[in-house]
C-alpha atoms as a PDB file:
ATOM      1  CA  UNK A   1      30.171 132.623  27.286  1.00  0.00           C
ATOM      2  CA  UNK A   2      31.493 133.171  30.786  1.00  0.00           C
ATOM      3  CA  UNK A   3      29.579 135.720  32.849  1.00  0.00           C
ATOM      4  CA  UNK A   4      31.762 138.226  34.720  1.00  0.00           C
ATOM      5  CA  UNK A   5      30.643 139.985  37.898  1.00  0.00           C
ATOM      6  CA  UNK A   6      33.259 142.483  39.019  1.00  0.00           C
ATOM      7  CA  UNK A   7      32.915 144.590  42.152  1.00  0.00           C
ATOM      8  CA  UNK A   8      34.370 148.016  41.340  1.00  0.00           C
ATOM      9  CA  UNK A   9      35.802 148.290  44.863  1.00  0.00           C
ATOM     10  CA  UNK A  10      37.708 145.023  44.346  1.00  0.00           C
ATOM     11  CA  UNK A  11      39.129 146.321  41.056  1.00  0.00           C
ATOM     12  CA  UNK A  12      40.166 149.571  42.787  1.00  0.00           C
ATOM     13  CA  UNK A  13      41.912 147.632  45.560  1.00  0.00           C
ATOM     14  CA  UNK A  14      43.942 145.657  43.018  1.00  0.00           C
ATOM     15  CA  UNK A  15      45.055 148.780  41.156  1.00  0.00           C
ATOM     16  CA  UNK A  16      46.615 150.597  44.105  1.00  0.00           C
ATOM     17  CA  UNK A  17      48.934 148.512  46.333  1.00  0.00           C
ATOM     18  CA  UNK A  18      52.682 148.365  45.997  1.00  0.00           C
ATOM     19  CA  UNK A  19      52.600 144.565  46.336  1.00  0.00           C
ATOM     20  CA  UNK A  20      50.007 141.969  45.402  1.00  0.00           C
ATOM     21  CA  UNK A  21      50.142 138.230  46.078  1.00  0.00           C
ATOM     22  CA  UNK A  22      47.766 136.130  43.980  1.00  0.00           C
ATOM     23  CA  UNK A  23      47.205 132.631  45.365  1.00  0.00           C
ATOM     24  CA  UNK A  24      45.540 130.254  42.908  1.00  0.00           C
ATOM     25  CA  UNK A  25      43.989 127.275  44.666  1.00  0.00           C
ATOM     26  CA  UNK A  26      42.974 123.901  43.232  1.00  0.00           C
ATOM     27  CA  UNK A  27      44.230 120.556  42.059  1.00  0.00           C
ATOM     28  CA  UNK A  28      45.053 119.523  38.491  1.00  0.00           C
ATOM     29  CA  UNK A  29      43.846 116.014  39.396  1.00  0.00           C
ATOM     30  CA  UNK A  30      40.204 117.126  39.124  1.00  0.00           C
ATOM     31  CA  UNK A  31      39.552 119.019  35.891  1.00  0.00           C
ATOM     32  CA  UNK A  32      36.804 121.233  37.337  1.00  0.00           C
ATOM     33  CA  UNK A  33      38.922 122.105  40.369  1.00  0.00           C
ATOM     34  CA  UNK A  34      41.965 122.934  38.237  1.00  0.00           C
ATOM     35  CA  UNK A  35      40.720 126.385  37.234  1.00  0.00           C
ATOM     36  CA  UNK A  36      42.818 128.049  39.981  1.00  0.00           C
ATOM     37  CA  UNK A  37      46.145 126.501  38.925  1.00  0.00           C
ATOM     38  CA  UNK A  38      45.277 127.173  35.265  1.00  0.00           C
ATOM     39  CA  UNK A  39      44.709 130.855  36.076  1.00  0.00           C
ATOM     40  CA  UNK A  40      48.020 130.884  37.962  1.00  0.00           C
ATOM     41  CA  UNK A  41      49.889 129.458  34.979  1.00  0.00           C
ATOM     42  CA  UNK A  42      48.310 132.001  32.637  1.00  0.00           C
ATOM     43  CA  UNK A  43      49.128 134.883  34.986  1.00  0.00           C
ATOM     44  CA  UNK A  44      52.743 133.727  35.295  1.00  0.00           C
ATOM     45  CA  UNK A  45      53.002 133.735  31.499  1.00  0.00           C
ATOM     46  CA  UNK A  46      51.391 137.184  31.212  1.00  0.00           C
ATOM     47  CA  UNK A  47      54.500 139.119  32.178  1.00  0.00           C
ATOM     48  CA  UNK A  48      52.914 141.035  35.040  1.00  0.00           C
ATOM     49  CA  UNK A  49      55.005 143.599  36.975  1.00  0.00           C
ATOM     50  CA  UNK A  50      57.430 142.301  39.643  1.00  0.00           C
ATOM     51  CA  UNK A  51      55.233 143.739  42.423  1.00  0.00           C
ATOM     52  CA  UNK A  52      52.761 140.926  41.655  1.00  0.00           C
ATOM     53  CA  UNK A  53      53.650 137.459  42.969  1.00  0.00           C
ATOM     54  CA  UNK A  54      51.729 134.432  41.649  1.00  0.00           C
ATOM     55  CA  UNK A  55      51.502 131.406  43.953  1.00  0.00           C
ATOM     56  CA  UNK A  56      49.935 128.242  42.544  1.00  0.00           C
ATOM     57  CA  UNK A  57      50.026 127.001  38.953  1.00  0.00           C
ATOM     58  CA  UNK A  58      49.662 123.731  37.074  1.00  0.00           C
ATOM     59  CA  UNK A  59      53.299 122.762  37.811  1.00  0.00           C
ATOM     60  CA  UNK A  60      53.149 123.775  41.486  1.00  0.00           C
ATOM     61  CA  UNK A  61      49.509 123.734  42.606  1.00  0.00           C
ATOM     62  CA  UNK A  62      48.214 124.981  45.931  1.00  0.00           C
ATOM     63  CA  UNK A  63      45.657 122.518  47.306  1.00  0.00           C
ATOM     64  CA  UNK A  64      44.236 121.376  50.620  1.00  0.00           C
ATOM     65  CA  UNK A  65      47.298 119.224  51.312  1.00  0.00           C
ATOM     66  CA  UNK A  66      49.802 122.077  51.089  1.00  0.00           C
ATOM     67  CA  UNK A  67      47.709 125.235  51.511  1.00  0.00           C
ATOM     68  CA  UNK A  68      48.774 126.002  55.078  1.00  0.00           C
ATOM     69  CA  UNK A  69      52.486 125.591  54.262  1.00  0.00           C
ATOM     70  CA  UNK A  70      52.120 127.677  51.078  1.00  0.00           C
ATOM     71  CA  UNK A  71      50.732 130.546  53.152  1.00  0.00           C
ATOM     72  CA  UNK A  72      54.274 130.993  54.497  1.00  0.00           C
ATOM     73  CA  UNK A  73      55.335 132.306  51.064  1.00  0.00           C
ATOM     74  CA  UNK A  74      52.867 135.211  51.247  1.00  0.00           C
ATOM     75  CA  UNK A  75      54.283 138.681  51.858  1.00  0.00           C
ATOM     76  CA  UNK A  76      52.948 140.425  54.986  1.00  0.00           C
ATOM     77  CA  UNK A  77      52.635 143.791  53.281  1.00  0.00           C
ATOM     78  CA  UNK A  78      50.882 142.544  50.124  1.00  0.00           C
ATOM     79  CA  UNK A  79      47.241 142.692  49.119  1.00  0.00           C
ATOM     80  CA  UNK A  80      46.082 139.066  48.904  1.00  0.00           C
ATOM     81  CA  UNK A  81      43.993 138.008  45.911  1.00  0.00           C
ATOM     82  CA  UNK A  82      42.632 134.434  46.073  1.00  0.00           C
ATOM     83  CA  UNK A  83      41.462 132.468  43.031  1.00  0.00           C
ATOM     84  CA  UNK A  84      39.471 129.250  43.438  1.00  0.00           C
ATOM     85  CA  UNK A  85      36.794 127.142  41.759  1.00  0.00           C
ATOM     86  CA  UNK A  86      33.299 127.140  43.222  1.00  0.00           C
ATOM     87  CA  UNK A  87      30.012 125.330  42.869  1.00  0.00           C
ATOM     88  CA  UNK A  88      26.809 127.204  42.092  1.00  0.00           C
ATOM     89  CA  UNK A  89      23.756 126.791  39.898  1.00  0.00           C
ATOM     90  CA  UNK A  90      24.718 129.972  37.990  1.00  0.00           C
ATOM     91  CA  UNK A  91      27.749 128.911  35.937  1.00  0.00           C
ATOM     92  CA  UNK A  92      30.041 129.432  34.118  1.00  0.00           C
ATOM     93  CA  UNK A  93      30.784 132.709  35.864  1.00  0.00           C
ATOM     94  CA  UNK A  94      33.599 134.657  37.459  1.00  0.00           C
ATOM     95  CA  UNK A  95      32.862 136.769  40.510  1.00  0.00           C
ATOM     96  CA  UNK A  96      35.528 139.230  41.657  1.00  0.00           C
ATOM     97  CA  UNK A  97      34.651 140.759  45.022  1.00  0.00           C
ATOM     98  CA  UNK A  98      36.179 142.176  48.172  1.00  0.00           C
ATOM     99  CA  UNK A  99      36.672 139.944  51.178  1.00  0.00           C
ATOM    100  CA  UNK A 100      37.991 136.451  51.757  1.00  0.00           C
ATOM    101  CA  UNK A 101      36.941 133.178  50.216  1.00  0.00           C
ATOM    102  CA  UNK A 102      36.639 129.843  51.987  1.00  0.00           C
ATOM    103  CA  UNK A 103      38.583 127.184  50.066  1.00  0.00           C
ATOM    104  CA  UNK A 104      37.304 123.631  50.294  1.00  0.00           C
ATOM    105  CA  UNK A 105      33.830 124.519  51.548  1.00  0.00           C
ATOM    106  CA  UNK A 106      32.179 122.368  48.849  1.00  0.00           C
ATOM    107  CA  UNK A 107      33.943 119.275  50.196  1.00  0.00           C
ATOM    108  CA  UNK A 108      33.564 120.249  53.859  1.00  0.00           C
ATOM    109  CA  UNK A 109      37.269 120.930  54.361  1.00  0.00           C
ATOM    110  CA  UNK A 110      38.026 123.245  57.242  1.00  0.00           C
ATOM    111  CA  UNK A 111      40.597 125.512  55.660  1.00  0.00           C
ATOM    112  CA  UNK A 112      41.308 129.110  56.628  1.00  0.00           C
ATOM    113  CA  UNK A 113      39.433 131.948  54.960  1.00  0.00           C
ATOM    114  CA  UNK A 114      41.821 133.822  52.686  1.00  0.00           C
ATOM    115  CA  UNK A 115      42.085 137.057  50.810  1.00  0.00           C
ATOM    116  CA  UNK A 116      41.426 140.741  50.630  1.00  0.00           C
ATOM    117  CA  UNK A 117      39.944 140.126  47.174  1.00  0.00           C
ATOM    118  CA  UNK A 118      38.306 136.885  46.007  1.00  0.00           C
ATOM    119  CA  UNK A 119      38.121 135.588  42.457  1.00  0.00           C
ATOM    120  CA  UNK A 120      35.458 132.904  42.509  1.00  0.00           C
ATOM    121  CA  UNK A 121      35.271 130.839  39.332  1.00  0.00           C
ATOM    122  CA  UNK A 122      31.930 129.055  39.254  1.00  0.00           C
ATOM    123  CA  UNK A 123      32.428 125.962  37.133  1.00  0.00           C
ATOM    124  CA  UNK A 124      29.676 123.498  38.047  1.00  0.00           C
ATOM    125  CA  UNK A 125      26.645 122.845  40.228  1.00  0.00           C
ATOM    126  CA  UNK A 126      27.721 119.733  42.147  1.00  0.00           C
ATOM    127  CA  UNK A 127      30.932 118.043  43.275  1.00  0.00           C
ATOM    128  CA  UNK A 128      30.234 115.187  40.870  1.00  0.00           C
ATOM    129  CA  UNK A 129      30.055 117.676  38.001  1.00  0.00           C
ATOM    130  CA  UNK A 130      33.645 118.781  38.746  1.00  0.00           C
ATOM    131  CA  UNK A 131      34.840 115.376  37.493  1.00  0.00           C
ATOM    132  CA  UNK A 132      32.822 115.752  34.285  1.00  0.00           C
ATOM    133  CA  UNK A 133      34.078 119.176  33.199  1.00  0.00           C
ATOM    134  CA  UNK A 134      35.992 119.175  29.927  1.00  0.00           C
ATOM    135  CA  UNK A 135      39.481 120.616  29.625  1.00  0.00           C
ATOM    136  CA  UNK A 136      38.255 123.118  27.006  1.00  0.00           C
ATOM    137  CA  UNK A 137      35.433 124.329  29.258  1.00  0.00           C
ATOM    138  CA  UNK A 138      37.742 124.866  32.254  1.00  0.00           C
ATOM    139  CA  UNK A 139      40.384 126.475  30.024  1.00  0.00           C
ATOM    140  CA  UNK A 140      37.773 128.958  28.748  1.00  0.00           C
ATOM    141  CA  UNK A 141      36.887 129.962  32.315  1.00  0.00           C
ATOM    142  CA  UNK A 142      40.562 130.181  33.326  1.00  0.00           C
ATOM    143  CA  UNK A 143      41.443 132.270  30.274  1.00  0.00           C
ATOM    144  CA  UNK A 144      38.575 134.679  30.983  1.00  0.00           C
ATOM    145  CA  UNK A 145      39.605 135.012  34.630  1.00  0.00           C
ATOM    146  CA  UNK A 146      43.295 135.476  33.776  1.00  0.00           C
ATOM    147  CA  UNK A 147      42.542 138.035  31.065  1.00  0.00           C
ATOM    148  CA  UNK A 148      40.286 139.986  33.417  1.00  0.00           C
ATOM    149  CA  UNK A 149      42.867 139.918  36.217  1.00  0.00           C
ATOM    150  CA  UNK A 150      45.710 140.865  33.868  1.00  0.00           C
ATOM    151  CA  UNK A 151      43.727 143.866  32.661  1.00  0.00           C
ATOM    152  CA  UNK A 152      42.950 145.008  36.204  1.00  0.00           C
ATOM    153  CA  UNK A 153      46.434 144.348  37.589  1.00  0.00           C
ATOM    154  CA  UNK A 154      48.163 146.075  34.679  1.00  0.00           C
ATOM    155  CA  UNK A 155      46.094 149.275  34.936  1.00  0.00           C
END
């Protein structure tokens, strides 16, 4: 079972704006790091309102190699929700909170902090564990995150 920690303020923020951009970060090349693109694909298939733009999915992932260029597709007037995998000893869990997340911190990448709301999907404890995650395990986390976001965004 995937633990969910949802900050009520973050949920409120996602219910109110006219426009929301959801950027789902990760690479399908590493199963544990693919939770972001999996969430993006599920959100695209969910039939969310047009005011919600999904950036990053399994077919067109946002990763450290293209993150900066993908930021150009964000709308200036939109609330930015960022989805990414994370390492922690308390997993599997999804943490939805206000404030930015720092993509790539687990691998010491210096990428910009992003987001008004962060969706942190804790999938493993170490970088090595990311390679060992099963597809089913990561899909379960992605489905839980996408279902939670769809419920909040559709309210």
